[in-house]
Amino acid sequence: MTPDSIELRRATDIDDVWNTLIDIYAEVRADKLHLAHYSVERYGERLARHASEPGWETVIGFDGAEPVGYAYINTLQHDDRWWQRMTTPLPSGCTDLATVALKEIMLRVPWRGTGTARRIHDELLATRAEEYVSLLVNPLAGDGKVQALYEAWGYKAISTQQPSPDGPVLTAMLRAIRETAVRSSGRTSLSR
């Protein structure tokens, strides 16, 4: 299976995709559903809240009729709690940037390691008017491999936060949406 064989579908109405997102979440988080923070009920509460925020949008990947994963985002406001919950000072002007928050990205096990997650991520951001994207990642996930993957995608750590008292402390990351690699003098730097 290749990521090119996955059909990507956009949605902005949570009612159209609610069950699909819940089902994928429950499968991906099956080993943690017994923990309050990761329960399907708590995820449903977060999903409903996120979907009611400005600019909410999702992209879901399908292999034939089978959903394989998704990512969703919403627009951040200058005074958004996303920024207010950071535990360390943010880079100057960070909250003034036109930014979306990548709130969830989930991929079912059979499609991991195929490039599908990156394809879903890139498709979701491809038509956004905002300039930056931020996400939260558990630095312990996959023994650090998940954060390393986001770093390979161009994200840089900017702070930490603990969105819920019973959840993990997460690394907050940020990158330009339309990032490209620029090679000069044998070094790679990121630019918009």
C-alpha atoms as a PDB file:
ATOM      1  CA  MET A   1       0.000   0.000   0.000  1.00  0.00           C
ATOM      2  CA  THR A   2       1.286   3.458  -0.839  1.00  0.00           C
ATOM      3  CA  PRO A   3       0.155   6.834   0.477  1.00  0.00           C
ATOM      4  CA  ASP A   4      -0.848   7.791  -3.080  1.00  0.00           C
ATOM      5  CA  SER A   5      -3.524   5.091  -3.062  1.00  0.00           C
ATOM      6  CA  ILE A   6      -5.248   6.725  -0.085  1.00  0.00           C
ATOM      7  CA  GLU A   7      -8.177   8.997  -0.964  1.00  0.00           C
ATOM      8  CA  LEU A   8      -8.243  12.187   1.112  1.00  0.00           C
ATOM      9  CA  ARG A   9     -11.586  13.759   2.015  1.00  0.00           C
ATOM     10  CA  ARG A  10     -12.106  17.168   3.638  1.00  0.00           C
ATOM     11  CA  ALA A  11     -14.915  18.037   6.020  1.00  0.00           C
ATOM     12  CA  THR A  12     -15.917  21.109   7.983  1.00  0.00           C
ATOM     13  CA  ASP A  13     -19.158  19.744   9.481  1.00  0.00           C
ATOM     14  CA  ILE A  14     -18.509  17.553  12.521  1.00  0.00           C
ATOM     15  CA  ASP A  15     -21.874  15.817  12.186  1.00  0.00           C
ATOM     16  CA  ASP A  16     -20.763  14.290   8.871  1.00  0.00           C
ATOM     17  CA  VAL A  17     -17.606  12.710  10.336  1.00  0.00           C
ATOM     18  CA  TRP A  18     -18.227  12.321  14.075  1.00  0.00           C
ATOM     19  CA  ASN A  19     -18.545   8.520  14.114  1.00  0.00           C
ATOM     20  CA  THR A  20     -15.539   8.032  11.836  1.00  0.00           C
ATOM     21  CA  LEU A  21     -13.287  10.184  14.030  1.00  0.00           C
ATOM     22  CA  ILE A  22     -14.517   8.526  17.234  1.00  0.00           C
ATOM     23  CA  ASP A  23     -14.013   5.018  15.802  1.00  0.00           C
ATOM     24  CA  ILE A  24     -10.461   5.730  14.629  1.00  0.00           C
ATOM     25  CA  TYR A  25      -9.593   7.379  17.947  1.00  0.00           C
ATOM     26  CA  ALA A  26     -10.946   4.415  19.942  1.00  0.00           C
ATOM     27  CA  GLU A  27      -8.910   1.959  17.861  1.00  0.00           C
ATOM     28  CA  VAL A  28      -5.673   3.959  17.981  1.00  0.00           C
ATOM     29  CA  ARG A  29      -5.947   4.675  21.728  1.00  0.00           C
ATOM     30  CA  ALA A  30      -7.339   1.235  22.700  1.00  0.00           C
ATOM     31  CA  ASP A  31      -4.474   0.577  25.128  1.00  0.00           C
ATOM     32  CA  LYS A  32      -5.143   3.854  27.006  1.00  0.00           C
ATOM     33  CA  LEU A  33      -8.941   4.074  27.021  1.00  0.00           C
ATOM     34  CA  HIS A  34      -9.031   2.963  30.671  1.00  0.00           C
ATOM     35  CA  LEU A  35      -7.247   6.222  31.648  1.00  0.00           C
ATOM     36  CA  ALA A  36      -9.672   9.112  32.238  1.00  0.00           C
ATOM     37  CA  HIS A  37      -7.821  11.579  30.006  1.00  0.00           C
ATOM     38  CA  TYR A  38      -7.853   9.153  27.050  1.00  0.00           C
ATOM     39  CA  SER A  39     -11.407   7.812  27.462  1.00  0.00           C
ATOM     40  CA  VAL A  40     -13.721   7.996  24.465  1.00  0.00           C
ATOM     41  CA  GLU A  41     -16.070  10.197  26.500  1.00  0.00           C
ATOM     42  CA  ARG A  42     -13.343  12.764  27.223  1.00  0.00           C
ATOM     43  CA  TYR A  43     -12.171  12.644  23.625  1.00  0.00           C
ATOM     44  CA  GLY A  44     -15.745  13.274  22.487  1.00  0.00           C
ATOM     45  CA  GLU A  45     -15.921  16.329  24.752  1.00  0.00           C
ATOM     46  CA  ARG A  46     -12.651  17.671  23.303  1.00  0.00           C
ATOM     47  CA  LEU A  47     -13.744  16.912  19.746  1.00  0.00           C
ATOM     48  CA  ALA A  48     -17.074  18.718  20.203  1.00  0.00           C
ATOM     49  CA  ARG A  49     -15.311  21.739  21.713  1.00  0.00           C
ATOM     50  CA  HIS A  50     -12.657  21.833  18.971  1.00  0.00           C
ATOM     51  CA  ALA A  51     -15.242  21.458  16.198  1.00  0.00           C
ATOM     52  CA  SER A  52     -17.139  24.468  17.534  1.00  0.00           C
ATOM     53  CA  GLU A  53     -14.045  26.700  17.353  1.00  0.00           C
ATOM     54  CA  PRO A  54     -13.289  28.970  14.369  1.00  0.00           C
ATOM     55  CA  GLY A  55     -11.802  27.417  11.250  1.00  0.00           C
ATOM     56  CA  TRP A  56     -12.318  23.775  12.251  1.00  0.00           C
ATOM     57  CA  GLU A  57     -11.514  21.377   9.424  1.00  0.00           C
ATOM     58  CA  THR A  58     -10.521  17.752   9.060  1.00  0.00           C
ATOM     59  CA  VAL A  59      -8.979  15.538   6.393  1.00  0.00           C
ATOM     60  CA  ILE A  60      -9.703  11.825   6.601  1.00  0.00           C
ATOM     61  CA  GLY A  61      -7.793   9.232   4.601  1.00  0.00           C
ATOM     62  CA  PHE A  62      -9.635   6.282   3.058  1.00  0.00           C
ATOM     63  CA  ASP A  63      -8.263   3.062   1.621  1.00  0.00           C
ATOM     64  CA  GLY A  64     -11.266   2.153  -0.511  1.00  0.00           C
ATOM     65  CA  ALA A  65     -14.203   2.478   1.876  1.00  0.00           C
ATOM     66  CA  GLU A  66     -12.049   1.956   4.973  1.00  0.00           C
ATOM     67  CA  PRO A  67     -10.992   5.040   6.979  1.00  0.00           C
ATOM     68  CA  VAL A  68      -7.291   4.841   7.842  1.00  0.00           C
ATOM     69  CA  GLY A  69      -6.628   8.049   9.747  1.00  0.00           C
ATOM     70  CA  TYR A  70      -7.320  11.733  10.093  1.00  0.00           C
ATOM     71  CA  ALA A  71      -6.026  15.079  11.225  1.00  0.00           C
ATOM     72  CA  TYR A  72      -7.983  18.141  12.264  1.00  0.00           C
ATOM     73  CA  ILE A  73      -7.217  21.774  12.970  1.00  0.00           C
ATOM     74  CA  ASN A  74      -8.796  25.041  13.966  1.00  0.00           C
ATOM     75  CA  THR A  75      -7.751  28.676  13.845  1.00  0.00           C
ATOM     76  CA  LEU A  76      -6.079  30.134  16.929  1.00  0.00           C
ATOM     77  CA  GLN A  77      -7.087  33.548  18.212  1.00  0.00           C
ATOM     78  CA  HIS A  78      -4.577  36.002  19.718  1.00  0.00           C
ATOM     79  CA  ASP A  79      -5.966  35.364  23.219  1.00  0.00           C
ATOM     80  CA  ASP A  80      -6.691  31.652  22.698  1.00  0.00           C
ATOM     81  CA  ARG A  81      -6.230  29.384  25.693  1.00  0.00           C
ATOM     82  CA  TRP A  82      -3.802  27.422  23.483  1.00  0.00           C
ATOM     83  CA  TRP A  83      -1.325  30.260  24.013  1.00  0.00           C
ATOM     84  CA  GLN A  84      -2.355  31.034  27.598  1.00  0.00           C
ATOM     85  CA  ARG A  85      -1.602  27.517  28.871  1.00  0.00           C
ATOM     86  CA  MET A  86       2.074  27.608  27.828  1.00  0.00           C
ATOM     87  CA  THR A  87       4.382  27.101  30.813  1.00  0.00           C
ATOM     88  CA  THR A  88       7.364  29.030  29.475  1.00  0.00           C
ATOM     89  CA  PRO A  89       7.521  32.379  27.676  1.00  0.00           C
ATOM     90  CA  LEU A  90       6.777  32.146  23.966  1.00  0.00           C
ATOM     91  CA  PRO A  91       8.972  33.656  21.268  1.00  0.00           C
ATOM     92  CA  SER A  92       8.238  37.380  20.849  1.00  0.00           C
ATOM     93  CA  GLY A  93       5.153  38.019  18.702  1.00  0.00           C
ATOM     94  CA  CYS A  94       4.207  34.330  18.584  1.00  0.00           C
ATOM     95  CA  THR A  95       0.571  34.910  19.560  1.00  0.00           C
ATOM     96  CA  ASP A  96       0.214  37.573  16.860  1.00  0.00           C
ATOM     97  CA  LEU A  97       0.951  35.102  14.060  1.00  0.00           C
ATOM     98  CA  ALA A  98      -1.933  33.847  11.888  1.00  0.00           C
ATOM     99  CA  THR A  99      -1.837  30.283  13.223  1.00  0.00           C
ATOM    100  CA  VAL A 100      -3.837  27.067  13.173  1.00  0.00           C
ATOM    101  CA  ALA A 101      -3.584  24.391  15.840  1.00  0.00           C
ATOM    102  CA  LEU A 102      -3.218  20.801  14.710  1.00  0.00           C
ATOM    103  CA  LYS A 103      -5.365  19.349  17.476  1.00  0.00           C
ATOM    104  CA  GLU A 104      -5.287  15.670  16.467  1.00  0.00           C
ATOM    105  CA  ILE A 105      -3.566  13.411  14.017  1.00  0.00           C
ATOM    106  CA  MET A 106      -4.376   9.706  14.212  1.00  0.00           C
ATOM    107  CA  LEU A 107      -3.374   6.853  11.947  1.00  0.00           C
ATOM    108  CA  ARG A 108      -4.417   3.225  12.277  1.00  0.00           C
ATOM    109  CA  VAL A 109      -1.552   0.755  12.692  1.00  0.00           C
ATOM    110  CA  PRO A 110      -1.670  -0.956   9.262  1.00  0.00           C
ATOM    111  CA  TRP A 111      -1.028   2.393   7.532  1.00  0.00           C
ATOM    112  CA  ARG A 112       1.789   3.639   9.770  1.00  0.00           C
ATOM    113  CA  GLY A 113       5.193   4.023   8.202  1.00  0.00           C
ATOM    114  CA  THR A 114       3.714   4.451   4.705  1.00  0.00           C
ATOM    115  CA  GLY A 115       3.836   8.257   4.472  1.00  0.00           C
ATOM    116  CA  THR A 116       0.062   8.462   4.869  1.00  0.00           C
ATOM    117  CA  ALA A 117       0.148  10.580   8.043  1.00  0.00           C
ATOM    118  CA  ARG A 118       2.354  13.163   6.341  1.00  0.00           C
ATOM    119  CA  ARG A 119       0.095  13.190   3.282  1.00  0.00           C
ATOM    120  CA  ILE A 120      -3.012  13.787   5.444  1.00  0.00           C
ATOM    121  CA  HIS A 121      -1.144  16.520   7.365  1.00  0.00           C
ATOM    122  CA  ASP A 122       0.038  18.284   4.213  1.00  0.00           C
ATOM    123  CA  GLU A 123      -3.374  18.099   2.533  1.00  0.00           C
ATOM    124  CA  LEU A 124      -5.042  19.586   5.590  1.00  0.00           C
ATOM    125  CA  LEU A 125      -2.677  22.569   5.547  1.00  0.00           C
ATOM    126  CA  ALA A 126      -2.498  23.006   1.750  1.00  0.00           C
ATOM    127  CA  THR A 127      -5.408  25.423   1.418  1.00  0.00           C
ATOM    128  CA  ARG A 128      -5.187  27.242   4.752  1.00  0.00           C
ATOM    129  CA  ALA A 129      -4.795  31.017   4.721  1.00  0.00           C
ATOM    130  CA  GLU A 130      -2.917  31.059   8.031  1.00  0.00           C
ATOM    131  CA  GLU A 131       0.864  31.298   7.984  1.00  0.00           C
ATOM    132  CA  TYR A 132       1.791  28.991  10.863  1.00  0.00           C
ATOM    133  CA  VAL A 133       0.742  25.708  12.423  1.00  0.00           C
ATOM    134  CA  SER A 134       1.224  24.656  16.030  1.00  0.00           C
ATOM    135  CA  LEU A 135       0.779  21.276  17.674  1.00  0.00           C
ATOM    136  CA  LEU A 136       1.219  19.535  21.002  1.00  0.00           C
ATOM    137  CA  VAL A 137       3.059  16.241  21.327  1.00  0.00           C
ATOM    138  CA  ASN A 138       3.791  13.960  24.242  1.00  0.00           C
ATOM    139  CA  PRO A 139       7.609  13.861  24.255  1.00  0.00           C
ATOM    140  CA  LEU A 140       7.440  10.297  25.608  1.00  0.00           C
ATOM    141  CA  ALA A 141       5.232   8.977  22.790  1.00  0.00           C
ATOM    142  CA  GLY A 142       7.023   6.215  20.924  1.00  0.00           C
ATOM    143  CA  ASP A 143      10.072   6.779  23.130  1.00  0.00           C
ATOM    144  CA  GLY A 144      10.476  10.224  21.563  1.00  0.00           C
ATOM    145  CA  LYS A 145      10.005   9.048  17.981  1.00  0.00           C
ATOM    146  CA  VAL A 146       6.752  10.966  17.460  1.00  0.00           C
ATOM    147  CA  GLN A 147       8.325  14.294  18.438  1.00  0.00           C
ATOM    148  CA  ALA A 148      11.354  13.472  16.271  1.00  0.00           C
ATOM    149  CA  LEU A 149       8.998  12.845  13.343  1.00  0.00           C
ATOM    150  CA  TYR A 150       7.401  16.280  13.816  1.00  0.00           C
ATOM    151  CA  GLU A 151      10.874  17.822  13.983  1.00  0.00           C
ATOM    152  CA  ALA A 152      11.673  16.111  10.659  1.00  0.00           C
ATOM    153  CA  TRP A 153       8.497  17.750   9.283  1.00  0.00           C
ATOM    154  CA  GLY A 154       9.928  21.159  10.255  1.00  0.00           C
ATOM    155  CA  TYR A 155       8.311  21.760  13.653  1.00  0.00           C
ATOM    156  CA  LYS A 156      10.359  23.435  16.412  1.00  0.00           C
ATOM    157  CA  ALA A 157       9.654  23.210  20.145  1.00  0.00           C
ATOM    158  CA  ILE A 158       8.482  26.554  21.571  1.00  0.00           C
ATOM    159  CA  SER A 159       7.150  25.703  25.067  1.00  0.00           C
ATOM    160  CA  THR A 160       5.280  23.081  27.076  1.00  0.00           C
ATOM    161  CA  GLN A 161       1.798  22.817  28.506  1.00  0.00           C
ATOM    162  CA  GLN A 162      -0.463  20.429  30.396  1.00  0.00           C
ATOM    163  CA  PRO A 163      -3.967  20.962  28.954  1.00  0.00           C
ATOM    164  CA  SER A 164      -5.652  18.822  31.598  1.00  0.00           C
ATOM    165  CA  PRO A 165      -4.568  17.973  35.150  1.00  0.00           C
ATOM    166  CA  ASP A 166      -4.768  14.215  34.508  1.00  0.00           C
ATOM    167  CA  GLY A 167      -3.015  14.383  31.126  1.00  0.00           C
ATOM    168  CA  PRO A 168       0.673  14.395  30.256  1.00  0.00           C
ATOM    169  CA  VAL A 169       2.906  17.454  29.952  1.00  0.00           C
ATOM    170  CA  LEU A 170       3.162  18.125  26.218  1.00  0.00           C
ATOM    171  CA  THR A 171       5.745  19.855  24.045  1.00  0.00           C
ATOM    172  CA  ALA A 172       4.293  22.752  22.040  1.00  0.00           C
ATOM    173  CA  MET A 173       5.736  23.009  18.532  1.00  0.00           C
ATOM    174  CA  LEU A 174       5.413  25.546  15.709  1.00  0.00           C
ATOM    175  CA  ARG A 175       6.349  25.793  12.032  1.00  0.00           C
ATOM    176  CA  ALA A 176       5.478  27.840   8.982  1.00  0.00           C
ATOM    177  CA  ILE A 177       2.706  26.183   6.952  1.00  0.00           C
ATOM    178  CA  ARG A 178       4.455  26.622   3.627  1.00  0.00           C
ATOM    179  CA  GLU A 179       7.956  25.664   4.649  1.00  0.00           C
ATOM    180  CA  THR A 180      10.617  24.765   2.167  1.00  0.00           C
ATOM    181  CA  ALA A 181      14.159  23.590   2.616  1.00  0.00           C
ATOM    182  CA  VAL A 182      16.781  25.986   1.323  1.00  0.00           C
ATOM    183  CA  ARG A 183      20.251  24.606   0.812  1.00  0.00           C
ATOM    184  CA  SER A 184      23.225  26.915   1.074  1.00  0.00           C
ATOM    185  CA  SER A 185      26.858  26.196   1.930  1.00  0.00           C
ATOM    186  CA  GLY A 186      26.024  22.547   2.529  1.00  0.00           C
ATOM    187  CA  ARG A 187      23.573  23.417   5.346  1.00  0.00           C
ATOM    188  CA  THR A 188      19.811  23.241   5.289  1.00  0.00           C
ATOM    189  CA  SER A 189      17.750  26.054   6.754  1.00  0.00           C
ATOM    190  CA  LEU A 190      14.020  26.525   6.813  1.00  0.00           C
ATOM    191  CA  SER A 191      12.276  29.460   5.221  1.00  0.00           C
ATOM    192  CA  ARG A 192       8.809  30.474   4.120  1.00  0.00           C
END
